[in-house]
């Protein structure tokens, strides 16, 4: 399908709609939390009735102490669970780090190796053909310049000077 670009006004309109929906969802979550909080407080914290006698007051204090102890035990258990899970998470992170470290590519060293040795390393014992790369190159013979031949042939230094003087005459004219 061909993709068409949205106009900026359309993008802005869609973005504002999304923000309105998100705002409504957040408000609804907040109301639900408030309802749950009031329900929890009604179940676990009955309204306080002030005792009239000293004995009733002591009994109320003992009951409050028992509730505080049970809640404190629950809190301690939850803290231990959280610390245990945090320790497990840290151990798993360390294991992941170790595994990632094991698979790092090592820095390769430059190794001088002939083509034969390289093929032998790659193919193993299958490689029996010797590769002589220089054998395939074209043979080129050096051309010896005529002047060099003349210089070699000329044994007398006076003839060599005469040849040079002839050149000067050639360029002067």
N, C-alpha and C. Protein backbone atom coordinates (compact mmCIF):
# COMPACT_ATOMS: atom_id res chain seq x y z
N UNK A 1 0.84 -1.18 0.00
CA UNK A 1 0.00 0.00 0.00
C UNK A 1 0.87 1.24 0.00
N UNK A 2 0.37 2.24 -0.59
CA UNK A 2 1.11 3.50 -0.58
C UNK A 2 0.83 4.22 0.72
N UNK A 3 1.88 4.72 1.32
CA UNK A 3 1.73 5.42 2.59
C UNK A 3 1.60 6.91 2.32
N UNK A 4 0.54 7.49 2.90
CA UNK A 4 0.34 8.93 2.74
C UNK A 4 0.72 9.61 4.05
N UNK A 5 1.32 10.76 3.93
CA UNK A 5 1.70 11.50 5.13
C UNK A 5 0.48 12.22 5.68
N UNK A 6 0.42 12.24 7.03
CA UNK A 6 -0.67 12.94 7.69
C UNK A 6 -0.34 14.42 7.80
N UNK A 7 -1.36 15.20 7.72
CA UNK A 7 -1.13 16.64 7.89
C UNK A 7 -0.87 16.92 9.36
N UNK A 8 -0.23 18.04 9.62
CA UNK A 8 0.13 18.36 11.00
C UNK A 8 -1.12 18.61 11.85
N UNK A 9 -2.17 19.16 11.27
CA UNK A 9 -3.39 19.40 12.03
C UNK A 9 -4.04 18.07 12.42
N UNK A 10 -4.00 17.10 11.51
CA UNK A 10 -4.56 15.77 11.81
C UNK A 10 -3.76 15.10 12.92
N UNK A 11 -2.42 15.18 12.84
CA UNK A 11 -1.57 14.62 13.89
C UNK A 11 -1.87 15.26 15.23
N UNK A 12 -2.00 16.58 15.23
CA UNK A 12 -2.28 17.31 16.47
C UNK A 12 -3.62 16.88 17.05
N UNK A 13 -4.63 16.72 16.19
CA UNK A 13 -5.96 16.31 16.63
C UNK A 13 -5.91 14.90 17.24
N UNK A 14 -5.22 13.96 16.58
CA UNK A 14 -5.12 12.60 17.10
C UNK A 14 -4.36 12.57 18.42
N UNK A 15 -3.31 13.38 18.50
CA UNK A 15 -2.53 13.44 19.74
C UNK A 15 -3.39 13.96 20.89
N UNK A 16 -4.17 15.00 20.63
CA UNK A 16 -5.03 15.55 21.69
C UNK A 16 -6.09 14.54 22.11
N UNK A 17 -6.63 13.76 21.16
CA UNK A 17 -7.60 12.72 21.52
C UNK A 17 -6.95 11.65 22.40
N UNK A 18 -5.75 11.24 22.03
CA UNK A 18 -5.05 10.23 22.83
C UNK A 18 -4.79 10.74 24.24
N UNK A 19 -4.39 12.00 24.36
CA UNK A 19 -4.14 12.57 25.68
C UNK A 19 -5.42 12.64 26.52
N UNK A 20 -6.54 12.96 25.90
CA UNK A 20 -7.81 13.01 26.63
C UNK A 20 -8.19 11.62 27.14
N UNK A 21 -8.03 10.61 26.27
CA UNK A 21 -8.36 9.24 26.68
C UNK A 21 -7.45 8.80 27.83
N UNK A 22 -6.15 9.10 27.72
CA UNK A 22 -5.20 8.73 28.78
C UNK A 22 -5.55 9.44 30.09
N UNK A 23 -5.94 10.70 30.00
CA UNK A 23 -6.31 11.45 31.21
C UNK A 23 -7.52 10.81 31.88
N UNK A 24 -8.52 10.43 31.07
CA UNK A 24 -9.70 9.76 31.62
C UNK A 24 -9.35 8.45 32.29
N UNK A 25 -8.45 7.67 31.68
CA UNK A 25 -8.04 6.39 32.27
C UNK A 25 -7.30 6.60 33.59
N UNK A 26 -6.44 7.61 33.65
CA UNK A 26 -5.73 7.90 34.89
C UNK A 26 -6.69 8.31 36.01
N UNK A 27 -7.68 9.14 35.69
CA UNK A 27 -8.66 9.55 36.70
C UNK A 27 -9.46 8.36 37.20
N UNK A 28 -9.81 7.45 36.29
CA UNK A 28 -10.57 6.26 36.68
C UNK A 28 -9.72 5.36 37.59
N UNK A 29 -8.43 5.21 37.26
CA UNK A 29 -7.54 4.42 38.12
C UNK A 29 -7.44 5.04 39.51
N UNK A 30 -7.35 6.36 39.57
CA UNK A 30 -7.25 7.05 40.86
C UNK A 30 -8.51 6.81 41.69
N UNK A 31 -9.70 6.86 41.07
CA UNK A 31 -10.95 6.60 41.79
C UNK A 31 -10.98 5.16 42.30
N UNK A 32 -10.52 4.20 41.47
CA UNK A 32 -10.49 2.80 41.89
C UNK A 32 -9.57 2.61 43.09
N UNK A 33 -8.41 3.26 43.05
CA UNK A 33 -7.47 3.16 44.17
C UNK A 33 -8.10 3.71 45.45
N UNK A 34 -8.80 4.82 45.33
CA UNK A 34 -9.44 5.43 46.51
C UNK A 34 -10.51 4.50 47.08
N UNK A 35 -11.30 3.85 46.21
CA UNK A 35 -12.33 2.92 46.67
C UNK A 35 -11.68 1.72 47.36
N UNK A 36 -10.60 1.20 46.78
CA UNK A 36 -9.90 0.07 47.40
C UNK A 36 -9.32 0.47 48.76
N UNK A 37 -8.79 1.68 48.85
CA UNK A 37 -8.22 2.15 50.11
C UNK A 37 -9.30 2.23 51.19
N UNK A 38 -10.42 2.80 50.86
CA UNK A 38 -11.49 2.91 51.87
C UNK A 38 -12.00 1.53 52.28
N UNK A 39 -12.12 0.60 51.32
CA UNK A 39 -12.58 -0.75 51.63
C UNK A 39 -11.58 -1.45 52.55
N UNK A 40 -10.29 -1.31 52.25
CA UNK A 40 -9.25 -1.93 53.08
C UNK A 40 -9.29 -1.35 54.49
N UNK A 41 -9.42 -0.04 54.60
CA UNK A 41 -9.46 0.59 55.93
C UNK A 41 -10.69 0.13 56.71
N UNK A 42 -11.82 -0.06 56.04
CA UNK A 42 -13.03 -0.51 56.73
C UNK A 42 -12.86 -1.95 57.23
N UNK A 43 -12.20 -2.80 56.42
CA UNK A 43 -12.03 -4.20 56.82
C UNK A 43 -11.00 -4.35 57.94
N UNK A 44 -9.85 -3.69 57.79
CA UNK A 44 -8.74 -3.92 58.71
C UNK A 44 -8.67 -2.95 59.87
N UNK A 45 -9.28 -1.81 59.76
CA UNK A 45 -9.23 -0.82 60.84
C UNK A 45 -10.65 -0.40 61.22
N UNK A 46 -11.24 -1.15 62.15
CA UNK A 46 -12.59 -0.75 62.58
C UNK A 46 -12.53 0.58 63.33
N UNK A 47 -13.64 1.27 63.36
CA UNK A 47 -13.63 2.57 64.05
C UNK A 47 -13.26 2.40 65.52
N UNK A 48 -12.51 3.34 66.00
CA UNK A 48 -11.97 3.28 67.34
C UNK A 48 -13.07 3.65 68.35
N UNK A 49 -13.26 2.75 69.29
CA UNK A 49 -14.21 3.05 70.38
C UNK A 49 -13.39 3.21 71.64
N UNK A 50 -13.50 4.34 72.22
CA UNK A 50 -12.70 4.62 73.41
C UNK A 50 -13.27 3.85 74.60
N UNK A 51 -12.42 3.04 75.23
CA UNK A 51 -12.89 2.26 76.38
C UNK A 51 -13.13 3.18 77.60
N UNK A 52 -14.00 2.70 78.44
CA UNK A 52 -14.37 3.52 79.59
C UNK A 52 -13.56 3.15 80.84
N UNK A 53 -13.13 1.92 80.90
CA UNK A 53 -12.41 1.52 82.10
C UNK A 53 -10.94 1.23 81.76
N UNK A 54 -10.15 1.09 82.79
CA UNK A 54 -8.71 0.84 82.63
C UNK A 54 -8.48 -0.53 82.04
N UNK A 55 -9.26 -1.52 82.44
CA UNK A 55 -9.11 -2.88 81.94
C UNK A 55 -9.41 -2.95 80.45
N UNK A 56 -10.43 -2.31 80.00
CA UNK A 56 -10.76 -2.26 78.57
C UNK A 56 -9.65 -1.57 77.79
N UNK A 57 -9.08 -0.54 78.36
CA UNK A 57 -7.98 0.18 77.71
C UNK A 57 -6.76 -0.72 77.56
N UNK A 58 -6.43 -1.48 78.61
CA UNK A 58 -5.29 -2.41 78.54
C UNK A 58 -5.55 -3.51 77.50
N UNK A 59 -6.76 -4.00 77.46
CA UNK A 59 -7.11 -5.02 76.47
C UNK A 59 -7.00 -4.47 75.05
N UNK A 60 -7.41 -3.26 74.85
CA UNK A 60 -7.30 -2.61 73.54
C UNK A 60 -5.82 -2.45 73.15
N UNK A 61 -4.99 -2.08 74.13
CA UNK A 61 -3.55 -1.94 73.85
C UNK A 61 -2.94 -3.28 73.47
N UNK A 62 -3.30 -4.36 74.19
CA UNK A 62 -2.78 -5.69 73.84
C UNK A 62 -3.20 -6.09 72.43
N UNK A 63 -4.45 -5.85 72.09
CA UNK A 63 -4.96 -6.19 70.75
C UNK A 63 -4.20 -5.39 69.67
N UNK A 64 -3.97 -4.11 69.94
CA UNK A 64 -3.22 -3.28 68.98
C UNK A 64 -1.79 -3.80 68.85
N UNK A 65 -1.16 -4.20 69.95
CA UNK A 65 0.19 -4.75 69.91
C UNK A 65 0.24 -6.04 69.09
N UNK A 66 -0.77 -6.91 69.26
CA UNK A 66 -0.81 -8.14 68.47
C UNK A 66 -0.92 -7.82 66.98
N UNK A 67 -1.77 -6.88 66.63
CA UNK A 67 -1.93 -6.50 65.22
C UNK A 67 -0.64 -5.89 64.67
N UNK A 68 0.01 -5.05 65.50
CA UNK A 68 1.27 -4.45 65.06
C UNK A 68 2.32 -5.53 64.84
N UNK A 69 2.36 -6.53 65.76
CA UNK A 69 3.32 -7.62 65.60
C UNK A 69 3.07 -8.42 64.33
N UNK A 70 1.81 -8.76 64.06
CA UNK A 70 1.52 -9.54 62.85
C UNK A 70 1.85 -8.73 61.58
N UNK A 71 1.52 -7.47 61.61
CA UNK A 71 1.83 -6.62 60.45
C UNK A 71 3.33 -6.46 60.29
N UNK A 72 4.04 -6.35 61.43
CA UNK A 72 5.50 -6.23 61.37
C UNK A 72 6.13 -7.51 60.81
N UNK A 73 5.59 -8.67 61.19
CA UNK A 73 6.08 -9.94 60.65
C UNK A 73 5.85 -10.01 59.13
N UNK A 74 4.66 -9.60 58.71
CA UNK A 74 4.36 -9.59 57.28
C UNK A 74 5.30 -8.65 56.53
N UNK A 75 5.55 -7.48 57.12
CA UNK A 75 6.45 -6.51 56.49
C UNK A 75 7.86 -7.08 56.37
N UNK A 76 8.32 -7.75 57.44
CA UNK A 76 9.66 -8.35 57.43
C UNK A 76 9.75 -9.43 56.35
N UNK A 77 8.70 -10.29 56.29
CA UNK A 77 8.69 -11.35 55.26
C UNK A 77 8.73 -10.76 53.86
N UNK A 78 7.95 -9.72 53.65
CA UNK A 78 7.93 -9.08 52.32
C UNK A 78 9.28 -8.43 52.00
N UNK A 79 9.90 -7.81 53.00
CA UNK A 79 11.22 -7.21 52.77
C UNK A 79 12.24 -8.29 52.41
N UNK A 80 12.17 -9.43 53.08
CA UNK A 80 13.10 -10.52 52.78
C UNK A 80 12.86 -11.06 51.36
N UNK A 81 11.59 -11.18 50.98
CA UNK A 81 11.29 -11.63 49.61
C UNK A 81 11.84 -10.64 48.59
N UNK A 82 11.64 -9.36 48.86
CA UNK A 82 12.12 -8.33 47.93
C UNK A 82 13.64 -8.35 47.84
N UNK A 83 14.31 -8.45 49.00
CA UNK A 83 15.78 -8.47 48.97
C UNK A 83 16.29 -9.72 48.27
N UNK A 84 15.63 -10.86 48.47
CA UNK A 84 16.02 -12.10 47.80
C UNK A 84 15.84 -11.97 46.28
N UNK A 85 14.71 -11.41 45.87
CA UNK A 85 14.48 -11.25 44.42
C UNK A 85 15.45 -10.23 43.83
N UNK A 86 15.78 -9.17 44.59
CA UNK A 86 16.77 -8.20 44.11
C UNK A 86 18.14 -8.85 43.94
N UNK A 87 18.49 -9.73 44.88
CA UNK A 87 19.77 -10.44 44.79
C UNK A 87 19.79 -11.35 43.57
N UNK A 88 18.66 -12.04 43.32
CA UNK A 88 18.56 -12.90 42.14
C UNK A 88 18.68 -12.08 40.86
N UNK A 89 18.05 -10.94 40.85
CA UNK A 89 18.12 -10.06 39.67
C UNK A 89 19.56 -9.61 39.45
N UNK A 90 20.24 -9.22 40.51
CA UNK A 90 21.64 -8.81 40.37
C UNK A 90 22.51 -9.95 39.86
N UNK A 91 22.28 -11.17 40.39
CA UNK A 91 23.05 -12.33 39.93
C UNK A 91 22.79 -12.60 38.45
N UNK A 92 21.53 -12.50 38.04
CA UNK A 92 21.21 -12.71 36.63
C UNK A 92 21.85 -11.64 35.75
N UNK A 93 21.87 -10.40 36.24
CA UNK A 93 22.52 -9.34 35.47
C UNK A 93 24.01 -9.63 35.31
N UNK A 94 24.63 -10.10 36.38
CA UNK A 94 26.06 -10.44 36.32
C UNK A 94 26.28 -11.58 35.33
N UNK A 95 25.41 -12.59 35.35
CA UNK A 95 25.54 -13.71 34.41
C UNK A 95 25.41 -13.22 32.97
N UNK A 96 24.44 -12.33 32.74
CA UNK A 96 24.26 -11.78 31.39
C UNK A 96 25.50 -11.01 30.97
N UNK A 97 26.05 -10.21 31.88
CA UNK A 97 27.27 -9.46 31.57
C UNK A 97 28.41 -10.41 31.24
N UNK A 98 28.54 -11.50 32.02
CA UNK A 98 29.59 -12.47 31.76
C UNK A 98 29.41 -13.13 30.39
N UNK A 99 28.16 -13.49 30.08
CA UNK A 99 27.91 -14.13 28.79
C UNK A 99 28.19 -13.17 27.64
N UNK A 100 27.82 -11.91 27.81
CA UNK A 100 28.08 -10.93 26.76
C UNK A 100 29.58 -10.74 26.61
N UNK A 101 30.29 -10.79 27.72
CA UNK A 101 31.74 -10.61 27.67
C UNK A 101 32.44 -11.78 26.98
N UNK A 102 31.89 -12.99 27.13
CA UNK A 102 32.53 -14.15 26.53
C UNK A 102 32.44 -14.12 25.02
N UNK A 103 31.41 -13.53 24.48
CA UNK A 103 31.22 -13.57 23.04
C UNK A 103 31.76 -12.35 22.34
N UNK A 104 32.57 -11.55 23.01
CA UNK A 104 33.19 -10.41 22.33
C UNK A 104 34.21 -10.92 21.34
N UNK A 105 34.27 -10.27 20.20
CA UNK A 105 35.22 -10.68 19.18
C UNK A 105 36.62 -10.25 19.61
N UNK A 106 37.57 -11.15 19.53
CA UNK A 106 38.93 -10.77 19.91
C UNK A 106 39.57 -9.91 18.82
N UNK A 107 40.53 -9.13 19.21
CA UNK A 107 41.25 -8.32 18.25
C UNK A 107 42.17 -9.25 17.48
N UNK A 108 42.03 -9.24 16.17
CA UNK A 108 42.81 -10.15 15.34
C UNK A 108 44.20 -9.59 15.08
N UNK A 109 45.18 -10.48 15.11
CA UNK A 109 46.55 -10.06 14.85
C UNK A 109 46.84 -10.27 13.38
N UNK A 110 47.69 -9.42 12.83
CA UNK A 110 48.09 -9.58 11.44
C UNK A 110 49.10 -10.72 11.37
N UNK A 111 48.85 -11.65 10.48
CA UNK A 111 49.73 -12.79 10.34
C UNK A 111 50.14 -12.89 8.89
N UNK A 112 51.43 -12.99 8.67
CA UNK A 112 51.90 -13.18 7.30
C UNK A 112 51.80 -14.66 6.98
N UNK A 113 51.12 -14.93 5.87
CA UNK A 113 50.91 -16.32 5.52
C UNK A 113 50.88 -16.43 4.00
N UNK A 114 51.52 -17.42 3.48
CA UNK A 114 51.51 -17.60 2.03
C UNK A 114 50.15 -18.11 1.60
N UNK A 115 49.89 -18.04 0.32
CA UNK A 115 48.61 -18.51 -0.20
C UNK A 115 48.45 -20.00 0.03
N UNK A 116 49.54 -20.75 -0.13
CA UNK A 116 49.48 -22.20 0.12
C UNK A 116 49.13 -22.50 1.56
N UNK A 117 49.78 -21.80 2.47
CA UNK A 117 49.51 -22.03 3.90
C UNK A 117 48.08 -21.63 4.25
N UNK A 118 47.59 -20.55 3.63
CA UNK A 118 46.24 -20.10 3.91
C UNK A 118 45.22 -21.12 3.41
N UNK A 119 45.43 -21.64 2.19
CA UNK A 119 44.51 -22.66 1.66
C UNK A 119 44.60 -23.94 2.49
N UNK A 120 45.78 -24.28 2.94
CA UNK A 120 45.95 -25.48 3.77
C UNK A 120 45.20 -25.30 5.09
N UNK A 121 45.25 -24.09 5.67
CA UNK A 121 44.56 -23.83 6.93
C UNK A 121 43.05 -23.86 6.73
N UNK A 122 42.58 -23.35 5.59
CA UNK A 122 41.14 -23.31 5.35
C UNK A 122 40.59 -24.67 4.94
N UNK A 123 41.28 -25.35 4.05
CA UNK A 123 40.76 -26.59 3.50
C UNK A 123 41.28 -27.82 4.21
N UNK A 124 42.30 -27.69 5.01
CA UNK A 124 42.85 -28.82 5.74
C UNK A 124 43.72 -29.66 4.82
N UNK A 125 43.63 -30.97 4.96
CA UNK A 125 44.49 -31.87 4.20
C UNK A 125 44.03 -32.02 2.76
N UNK A 126 42.86 -31.48 2.41
CA UNK A 126 42.35 -31.59 1.04
C UNK A 126 43.23 -30.82 0.06
N UNK A 127 43.88 -29.80 0.57
CA UNK A 127 44.66 -28.92 -0.30
C UNK A 127 46.00 -29.55 -0.64
N UNK A 128 46.18 -29.93 -1.92
CA UNK A 128 47.45 -30.52 -2.34
C UNK A 128 48.09 -29.72 -3.46
N UNK A 129 47.31 -28.86 -4.11
CA UNK A 129 47.83 -28.10 -5.24
C UNK A 129 48.67 -26.95 -4.73
N UNK A 130 49.87 -26.82 -5.27
CA UNK A 130 50.71 -25.68 -4.91
C UNK A 130 50.33 -24.51 -5.80
N UNK A 131 50.09 -23.42 -5.20
CA UNK A 131 49.72 -22.24 -5.96
C UNK A 131 50.96 -21.38 -6.11
N UNK A 132 51.48 -21.33 -7.31
CA UNK A 132 52.60 -20.44 -7.57
C UNK A 132 52.04 -19.26 -8.33
N UNK A 133 51.81 -18.17 -7.64
CA UNK A 133 51.16 -17.02 -8.26
C UNK A 133 52.06 -16.35 -9.28
N UNK A 134 53.37 -16.45 -9.10
CA UNK A 134 54.29 -15.78 -10.02
C UNK A 134 54.36 -16.49 -11.36
N UNK A 135 53.98 -17.76 -11.38
CA UNK A 135 54.04 -18.53 -12.62
C UNK A 135 53.02 -18.00 -13.63
N UNK A 136 51.91 -17.47 -13.13
CA UNK A 136 50.86 -16.99 -14.02
C UNK A 136 51.14 -15.60 -14.57
N UNK A 137 52.16 -14.94 -14.05
CA UNK A 137 52.45 -13.59 -14.52
C UNK A 137 53.12 -13.62 -15.88
N UNK A 138 52.89 -12.59 -16.65
CA UNK A 138 53.47 -12.47 -17.98
C UNK A 138 54.95 -12.10 -17.85
N UNK A 139 55.78 -12.77 -18.63
CA UNK A 139 57.20 -12.48 -18.60
C UNK A 139 57.49 -11.26 -19.45
N UNK A 140 58.17 -10.29 -18.90
CA UNK A 140 58.51 -9.07 -19.63
C UNK A 140 60.02 -8.95 -19.63
N UNK A 141 60.56 -8.79 -20.84
CA UNK A 141 62.00 -8.62 -20.95
C UNK A 141 62.31 -7.14 -20.95
N UNK A 142 63.41 -6.81 -20.33
CA UNK A 142 63.83 -5.40 -20.31
C UNK A 142 64.43 -5.04 -21.65
N UNK A 143 64.05 -3.89 -22.15
CA UNK A 143 64.63 -3.40 -23.39
C UNK A 143 65.87 -2.59 -23.05
N UNK A 144 66.93 -2.90 -23.70
CA UNK A 144 68.17 -2.18 -23.45
C UNK A 144 68.22 -1.03 -24.44
N UNK A 145 68.41 0.17 -23.93
CA UNK A 145 68.44 1.35 -24.79
C UNK A 145 69.69 1.34 -25.67
N UNK A 146 69.52 1.91 -26.84
CA UNK A 146 70.63 1.94 -27.80
C UNK A 146 71.81 2.74 -27.26
N UNK A 147 71.49 3.83 -26.58
CA UNK A 147 72.56 4.68 -26.06
C UNK A 147 73.40 3.93 -25.04
N UNK A 148 72.71 3.10 -24.20
CA UNK A 148 73.45 2.32 -23.23
C UNK A 148 74.37 1.32 -23.93
N UNK A 149 73.88 0.76 -25.06
CA UNK A 149 74.71 -0.17 -25.83
C UNK A 149 75.95 0.55 -26.36
N UNK A 150 75.72 1.76 -26.87
CA UNK A 150 76.84 2.53 -27.43
C UNK A 150 77.86 2.82 -26.35
N UNK A 151 77.36 3.20 -25.18
CA UNK A 151 78.28 3.54 -24.11
C UNK A 151 79.09 2.33 -23.68
N UNK A 152 78.45 1.16 -23.70
CA UNK A 152 79.17 -0.05 -23.32
C UNK A 152 80.20 -0.42 -24.39
N UNK A 153 79.77 -0.25 -25.64
CA UNK A 153 80.66 -0.60 -26.75
C UNK A 153 81.84 0.34 -26.85
N UNK A 154 81.61 1.60 -26.55
CA UNK A 154 82.66 2.60 -26.68
C UNK A 154 83.67 2.38 -25.57
N UNK A 155 84.86 2.09 -25.93
CA UNK A 155 85.90 1.85 -24.95
C UNK A 155 86.76 3.07 -24.74
N UNK A 156 86.86 3.85 -25.77
CA UNK A 156 87.74 5.01 -25.70
C UNK A 156 86.94 6.21 -25.23
N UNK A 157 87.46 6.99 -24.29
CA UNK A 157 86.73 8.11 -23.74
C UNK A 157 86.65 9.27 -24.71
N UNK A 158 87.60 9.34 -25.68
CA UNK A 158 87.55 10.44 -26.65
C UNK A 158 86.39 10.29 -27.60
N UNK A 159 86.06 9.07 -27.97
CA UNK A 159 84.92 8.86 -28.86
C UNK A 159 83.63 9.25 -28.17
N UNK A 160 83.55 8.96 -26.90
CA UNK A 160 82.38 9.31 -26.11
C UNK A 160 82.19 10.82 -26.09
N UNK A 161 83.28 11.57 -25.96
CA UNK A 161 83.20 13.03 -25.96
C UNK A 161 82.78 13.53 -27.33
N UNK A 162 83.28 12.92 -28.38
CA UNK A 162 82.90 13.33 -29.73
C UNK A 162 81.40 13.11 -29.96
N UNK A 163 80.85 11.98 -29.44
CA UNK A 163 79.42 11.72 -29.58
C UNK A 163 78.60 12.79 -28.88
N UNK A 164 79.06 13.22 -27.71
CA UNK A 164 78.33 14.24 -26.96
C UNK A 164 78.39 15.58 -27.67
N UNK A 165 79.55 15.87 -28.30
CA UNK A 165 79.66 17.14 -29.01
C UNK A 165 78.77 17.16 -30.23
N UNK A 166 78.56 16.00 -30.86
CA UNK A 166 77.64 15.92 -31.99
C UNK A 166 76.22 16.24 -31.54
N UNK A 167 75.85 15.82 -30.38
CA UNK A 167 74.51 16.11 -29.86
C UNK A 167 74.33 17.60 -29.63
N UNK A 168 75.35 18.24 -29.10
CA UNK A 168 75.26 19.68 -28.84
C UNK A 168 75.04 20.43 -30.15
N UNK A 169 75.74 20.00 -31.19
CA UNK A 169 75.58 20.63 -32.49
C UNK A 169 74.17 20.43 -33.00
N UNK A 170 73.61 19.27 -32.73
CA UNK A 170 72.28 18.97 -33.20
C UNK A 170 71.25 19.90 -32.53
N UNK A 171 71.39 20.18 -31.27
CA UNK A 171 70.46 21.03 -30.55
C UNK A 171 70.69 22.51 -30.86
N UNK A 172 71.91 22.88 -31.18
CA UNK A 172 72.20 24.29 -31.45
C UNK A 172 71.59 24.72 -32.77
N UNK A 173 71.51 23.87 -33.70
CA UNK A 173 71.03 24.29 -35.02
C UNK A 173 69.55 24.31 -35.14
